[in-house]
């Protein structure tokens, strides 16, 4: 089996989940959540919020994913 076959079946390791969202640390020490896809016209990712901690940014990303599916 291919190494990525587990992801295809829906079983994703915690390490692999990190790649699904874009969280970057800013110079101010805050964390910014960006959309996964780039805008075709501008070539940039949408800003989905700025948060004081990495955990808050991850929580918001989970909320965004939940909203997309429900």
Protein backbone atom coordinates (compact mmCIF):
# COMPACT_ATOMS: atom_id res chain seq x y z
CA UNK A 1 0.00 0.00 0.00
CA UNK A 2 1.06 3.57 -0.60
CA UNK A 3 2.07 5.61 2.48
CA UNK A 4 -0.79 8.07 1.93
CA UNK A 5 -3.48 5.39 1.68
CA UNK A 6 -4.46 5.88 5.34
CA UNK A 7 -5.31 9.51 4.58
CA UNK A 8 -7.50 8.37 1.70
CA UNK A 9 -9.46 6.11 4.05
CA UNK A 10 -9.98 8.98 6.49
CA UNK A 11 -7.39 7.94 9.08
CA UNK A 12 -5.02 10.86 9.39
CA UNK A 13 -2.25 10.97 11.95
CA UNK A 14 -1.97 14.07 14.18
CA UNK A 15 1.26 15.03 12.41
CA UNK A 16 -0.41 14.94 8.99
CA UNK A 17 -3.28 17.15 10.19
CA UNK A 18 -0.89 20.04 10.69
CA UNK A 19 -0.47 20.36 6.92
CA UNK A 20 -4.19 20.96 6.31
CA UNK A 21 -4.31 24.53 7.61
CA UNK A 22 -2.11 27.54 7.28
CA UNK A 23 -1.17 29.15 10.59
CA UNK A 24 1.74 31.55 10.56
CA UNK A 25 3.39 33.35 13.46
CA UNK A 26 3.55 37.11 12.96
CA UNK A 27 6.34 39.43 14.11
CA UNK A 28 3.96 40.73 16.79
CA UNK A 29 3.86 37.24 18.34
CA UNK A 30 0.28 36.58 17.26
CA UNK A 31 -0.84 33.77 14.96
CA UNK A 32 -2.78 34.24 11.74
CA UNK A 33 -5.01 31.62 10.13
CA UNK A 34 -5.11 31.60 6.32
CA UNK A 35 -7.43 29.76 3.93
CA UNK A 36 -6.18 26.56 2.33
CA UNK A 37 -6.82 27.68 -1.22
CA UNK A 38 -5.32 30.70 -2.95
CA UNK A 39 -7.49 33.27 -4.69
CA UNK A 40 -7.11 32.65 -8.43
CA UNK A 41 -7.08 36.37 -9.25
CA UNK A 42 -4.66 37.64 -6.61
CA UNK A 43 -2.68 34.47 -5.87
CA UNK A 44 -3.02 35.15 -2.12
CA UNK A 45 -4.70 33.26 0.70
CA UNK A 46 -7.67 34.72 2.60
CA UNK A 47 -7.03 35.92 6.16
CA UNK A 48 -9.36 33.91 8.45
CA UNK A 49 -8.37 35.67 11.66
CA UNK A 50 -5.55 36.67 13.97
CA UNK A 51 -5.23 35.00 17.37
CA UNK A 52 -3.11 35.47 20.48
CA UNK A 53 -2.09 31.80 20.72
CA UNK A 54 -1.58 28.79 18.47
CA UNK A 55 -4.27 26.85 20.36
CA UNK A 56 -6.86 29.56 19.70
CA UNK A 57 -5.96 29.56 16.01
CA UNK A 58 -6.26 25.75 15.84
CA UNK A 59 -9.62 25.88 17.63
CA UNK A 60 -10.93 28.43 15.12
CA UNK A 61 -9.70 26.27 12.22
CA UNK A 62 -11.66 23.32 13.66
CA UNK A 63 -14.75 25.56 13.94
CA UNK A 64 -14.35 26.62 10.31
CA UNK A 65 -14.09 22.99 9.16
CA UNK A 66 -17.14 22.02 11.24
CA UNK A 67 -19.17 24.88 9.75
CA UNK A 68 -18.23 23.83 6.22
CA UNK A 69 -19.60 20.31 6.77
CA UNK A 70 -22.75 21.07 8.83
